[in-house]
Amino acid sequence: MSTILIVDDEKNIVQLTRMYLANEGYQVEVAYDGREALEKARQAKPSLVVLDLMLPEIDGLEVCKQLRRDSDVPIIMLTARSDDVDRIVGLELGADDYICKPFNPRELVARVKAVLRRSRPSERPPEAITLGNLRIDPARREVEVAGKPVTLRAKEFDLLLTFAQNEGLVLDRERLLNLVWGYDYLGDSRTIDVHVTWLREKLAGSTCRIQTVWGVGYKLVNQEVA
């Protein structure tokens, strides 16, 4: 049974979300401030954290940052703000998904299921992919450029791996969202553009580059053979 940790200082949201998740068979832990959230995460070792952005004691962004130092637990951030900056910062710190308040509890349950599905390890470890001086090891989730390690966030790695598995093929934003974030992802397609920008910066010096195909999407090109 998967354990979900809900972190929100609005008790009515916590209770409603708890009820819907419990009805789906999840074990649910709750915390009402950032400090309590970090303590519960260490104690309960949840399978996923639903984390509000605005929290007393320690805010949600700092909680996300601290959680990422110790684990790869999937995180869905809740925000009452519509500002893209908050969502982008949350994703940059390592959140796997976000949902804006007010939200439909059924939508949150659907996102929880989708994120948990994507985070399950595959039964057979896939082989490493080498393209020019770029090496991607899916089993270890490691990336090297010219023999030097490159640190990527979870979704940056997943996106790069998807490009590498489809080398030279043009992938539109919708397909990338489906492949990397899941078919039931309901977020903004601009997430792709943000992650591509981050990847380009981190892969500087690689013989591979992510090429924009205007009006369509992106493709990974190995310039050694282009």
Protein backbone atom coordinates (compact mmCIF):
# COMPACT_ATOMS: atom_id res chain seq x y z
CA MET A 1 0.00 0.00 0.00
CA SER A 2 1.46 3.37 -1.04
CA THR A 3 1.68 6.07 1.63
CA ILE A 4 0.83 9.63 0.59
CA LEU A 5 1.92 12.58 2.75
CA ILE A 6 -0.41 15.59 2.43
CA VAL A 7 1.09 18.92 3.55
CA ASP A 8 -1.27 21.90 3.76
CA ASP A 9 -2.26 24.34 6.50
CA GLU A 10 -5.88 24.45 5.28
CA LYS A 11 -7.55 21.67 7.25
CA ASN A 12 -10.61 21.43 5.00
CA ILE A 13 -8.37 20.76 1.98
CA VAL A 14 -6.38 18.18 3.94
CA GLN A 15 -9.50 16.34 5.09
CA LEU A 16 -11.12 16.33 1.65
CA THR A 17 -7.94 15.19 -0.09
CA ARG A 18 -7.34 12.58 2.59
CA MET A 19 -10.82 11.14 2.09
CA TYR A 20 -10.45 10.83 -1.69
CA LEU A 21 -7.00 9.24 -1.47
CA ALA A 22 -8.08 6.84 1.29
CA ASN A 23 -11.04 5.78 -0.85
CA GLU A 24 -8.54 4.81 -3.57
CA GLY A 25 -6.71 2.55 -1.12
CA TYR A 26 -3.81 4.81 -0.18
CA GLN A 27 -2.49 5.14 3.35
CA VAL A 28 -2.46 8.85 4.18
CA GLU A 29 -0.26 10.90 6.53
CA VAL A 30 -0.83 14.63 7.07
CA ALA A 31 1.20 17.65 8.14
CA TYR A 32 0.04 21.24 8.60
CA ASP A 33 3.33 23.16 8.42
CA GLY A 34 6.73 22.79 6.80
CA ARG A 35 8.59 21.68 9.90
CA GLU A 36 6.06 18.94 10.62
CA ALA A 37 6.21 17.91 6.94
CA LEU A 38 9.96 17.25 7.10
CA GLU A 39 9.56 15.25 10.31
CA LYS A 40 6.68 13.17 8.88
CA ALA A 41 8.64 12.55 5.67
CA ARG A 42 11.58 11.16 7.65
CA GLN A 43 9.34 9.01 9.83
CA ALA A 44 6.73 7.71 7.37
CA LYS A 45 8.97 7.53 4.25
CA PRO A 46 6.00 8.23 1.95
CA SER A 47 5.68 7.03 -1.63
CA LEU A 48 4.61 10.56 -2.69
CA VAL A 49 4.22 14.01 -1.12
CA VAL A 50 1.40 16.46 -1.93
CA LEU A 51 3.00 19.73 -0.86
CA ASP A 52 1.38 23.17 -0.53
CA LEU A 53 3.52 26.14 -1.56
CA MET A 54 2.37 28.53 1.18
CA LEU A 55 3.08 26.99 4.60
CA PRO A 56 3.83 28.30 8.09
CA GLU A 57 7.19 27.59 9.78
CA ILE A 58 8.98 26.55 6.56
CA ASP A 59 7.51 27.33 3.13
CA GLY A 60 6.79 24.68 0.52
CA LEU A 61 9.70 25.59 -1.75
CA GLU A 62 12.19 25.15 1.08
CA VAL A 63 10.53 21.88 2.13
CA CYS A 64 10.83 20.64 -1.47
CA LYS A 65 14.49 21.66 -1.55
CA GLN A 66 15.27 19.84 1.70
CA LEU A 67 13.36 16.71 0.66
CA ARG A 68 15.37 16.58 -2.56
CA ARG A 69 18.63 16.58 -0.61
CA ASP A 70 17.72 13.27 1.01
CA SER A 71 15.44 11.40 -1.39
CA ASP A 72 13.81 11.11 -4.80
CA VAL A 73 10.29 10.87 -3.37
CA PRO A 74 7.80 12.18 -5.98
CA ILE A 75 6.37 15.61 -5.12
CA ILE A 76 3.18 17.25 -6.38
CA MET A 77 3.08 20.93 -5.43
CA LEU A 78 -0.13 22.80 -4.63
CA THR A 79 -0.25 26.53 -5.29
CA ALA A 80 -2.93 29.19 -4.97
CA ARG A 81 -0.89 31.47 -7.20
CA SER A 82 -1.29 31.63 -10.96
CA ASP A 83 2.20 33.08 -11.50
CA ASP A 84 4.31 30.88 -13.79
CA VAL A 85 7.40 31.78 -11.76
CA ASP A 86 6.20 29.78 -8.76
CA ARG A 87 5.52 26.72 -10.88
CA ILE A 88 8.87 26.96 -12.67
CA VAL A 89 10.79 27.39 -9.39
CA GLY A 90 8.94 24.39 -7.96
CA LEU A 91 9.86 22.25 -10.97
CA GLU A 92 13.43 23.51 -10.85
CA LEU A 93 13.73 22.46 -7.19
CA GLY A 94 12.62 18.96 -8.09
CA ALA A 95 8.82 18.84 -7.96
CA ASP A 96 7.36 16.26 -10.37
CA ASP A 97 4.05 18.00 -11.00
CA TYR A 98 1.92 20.89 -9.74
CA ILE A 99 -1.75 21.69 -9.42
CA CYS A 100 -3.39 25.07 -8.84
CA LYS A 101 -5.99 25.77 -6.16
CA PRO A 102 -8.91 25.47 -6.21
CA PHE A 103 -8.71 21.97 -7.66
CA ASN A 104 -10.98 18.99 -8.18
CA PRO A 105 -9.97 16.20 -5.75
CA ARG A 106 -10.49 13.66 -8.53
CA GLU A 107 -7.91 15.51 -10.63
CA LEU A 108 -5.43 15.33 -7.76
CA VAL A 109 -6.03 11.60 -7.36
CA ALA A 110 -5.45 11.13 -11.10
CA ARG A 111 -2.16 13.02 -10.89
CA VAL A 112 -1.05 11.03 -7.86
CA LYS A 113 -1.66 7.80 -9.77
CA ALA A 114 0.16 9.09 -12.85
CA VAL A 115 3.23 10.27 -10.91
CA LEU A 116 3.43 7.01 -8.97
CA ARG A 117 3.23 5.02 -12.22
CA ARG A 118 6.09 7.02 -13.74
CA SER A 119 8.24 6.65 -10.63
CA ARG A 120 8.05 2.84 -10.47
CA PRO A 121 11.33 1.19 -11.48
CA SER A 122 11.25 -1.01 -14.56
CA GLU A 123 11.78 -4.77 -14.10
CA ARG A 124 14.78 -5.00 -16.44
CA PRO A 125 17.45 -2.29 -16.29
CA PRO A 126 17.86 -0.68 -19.73
CA GLU A 127 21.25 -0.42 -21.43
CA ALA A 128 23.27 2.78 -21.52
CA ILE A 129 22.99 5.00 -24.62
CA THR A 130 26.08 6.61 -26.18
CA LEU A 131 25.72 9.34 -28.79
CA GLY A 132 29.00 11.03 -29.64
CA ASN A 133 30.50 12.22 -26.36
CA LEU A 134 27.13 12.01 -24.58
CA ARG A 135 26.48 8.93 -22.45
CA ILE A 136 23.16 8.26 -20.70
CA ASP A 137 22.78 5.41 -18.21
CA PRO A 138 19.04 4.89 -17.53
CA ALA A 139 19.60 2.27 -14.83
CA ARG A 140 21.83 4.55 -12.75
CA ARG A 141 20.15 7.73 -14.00
CA GLU A 142 23.57 9.18 -14.79
CA VAL A 143 24.69 11.42 -17.65
CA GLU A 144 28.23 12.15 -18.84
CA VAL A 145 29.52 14.62 -21.42
CA ALA A 146 33.05 13.88 -22.63
CA GLY A 147 33.53 11.59 -19.64
CA LYS A 148 32.49 14.23 -17.08
CA PRO A 149 29.30 13.75 -14.99
CA VAL A 150 26.39 16.13 -15.54
CA THR A 151 23.84 16.62 -12.76
CA LEU A 152 20.24 16.66 -13.99
CA ARG A 153 16.94 16.98 -12.18
CA ALA A 154 14.49 14.09 -12.47
CA LYS A 155 12.42 15.49 -15.34
CA GLU A 156 15.48 16.85 -17.15
CA PHE A 157 16.91 13.34 -17.19
CA ASP A 158 13.62 11.79 -18.33
CA LEU A 159 13.30 14.35 -21.13
CA LEU A 160 16.89 13.85 -22.31
CA LEU A 161 16.46 10.07 -22.27
CA THR A 162 13.31 10.40 -24.37
CA PHE A 163 15.18 12.54 -26.91
CA ALA A 164 18.06 10.03 -27.00
CA GLN A 165 15.71 7.09 -27.51
CA ASN A 166 14.22 8.98 -30.46
CA GLU A 167 17.46 10.45 -31.86
CA GLY A 168 16.90 12.50 -34.99
CA LEU A 169 13.11 12.28 -34.77
CA VAL A 170 11.02 15.40 -34.32
CA LEU A 171 8.86 15.23 -31.21
CA ASP A 172 6.10 17.78 -30.70
CA ARG A 173 5.27 19.18 -27.26
CA GLU A 174 2.15 17.07 -26.82
CA ARG A 175 4.04 13.86 -27.53
CA LEU A 176 6.85 14.87 -25.17
CA LEU A 177 4.32 15.61 -22.42
CA ASN A 178 2.75 12.19 -22.98
CA LEU A 179 6.08 10.35 -22.99
CA VAL A 180 7.74 12.17 -20.09
CA TRP A 181 4.94 13.50 -17.88
CA GLY A 182 2.25 10.92 -18.73
CA TYR A 183 -0.97 10.83 -20.74
CA ASP A 184 -3.02 12.22 -17.87
CA TYR A 185 -0.69 15.18 -17.24
CA LEU A 186 -2.81 18.34 -17.18
CA GLY A 187 -0.10 20.98 -16.90
CA ASP A 188 1.11 23.66 -19.29
CA SER A 189 3.02 22.58 -22.43
CA ARG A 190 5.45 25.46 -21.79
CA THR A 191 7.02 23.15 -19.21
CA ILE A 192 8.73 21.47 -22.19
CA ASP A 193 10.32 24.74 -23.34
CA VAL A 194 11.62 25.49 -19.84
CA HIS A 195 13.18 22.03 -19.45
CA VAL A 196 14.73 22.19 -22.93
CA THR A 197 16.38 25.50 -22.00
CA TRP A 198 17.83 23.95 -18.83
CA LEU A 199 19.08 20.91 -20.74
CA ARG A 200 20.80 23.02 -23.39
CA GLU A 201 22.70 24.89 -20.68
CA LYS A 202 23.78 21.71 -18.91
CA LEU A 203 24.79 19.88 -22.10
CA ALA A 204 27.14 22.64 -23.28
CA GLY A 205 30.19 20.91 -24.73
CA SER A 206 28.25 17.87 -25.91
CA THR A 207 28.35 16.74 -29.52
CA CYS A 208 24.57 16.36 -29.21
CA ARG A 209 22.21 19.29 -29.20
CA ILE A 210 18.47 19.76 -28.91
CA GLN A 211 17.34 21.41 -32.11
CA THR A 212 14.17 23.47 -32.40
CA VAL A 213 11.95 22.58 -35.35
CA TRP A 214 9.87 25.72 -35.64
CA GLY A 215 6.12 25.21 -35.50
CA VAL A 216 6.55 21.53 -34.62
CA GLY A 217 8.74 20.70 -31.65
CA TYR A 218 12.27 19.49 -30.91
CA LYS A 219 14.73 16.77 -31.89
CA LEU A 220 18.10 15.57 -30.58
CA VAL A 221 20.88 15.73 -33.17
CA ASN A 222 24.31 14.08 -32.82
CA GLN A 223 26.55 16.55 -34.66
CA GLU A 224 29.31 13.95 -35.06
CA VAL A 225 27.19 12.19 -37.69
CA ALA A 226 24.95 15.09 -38.79
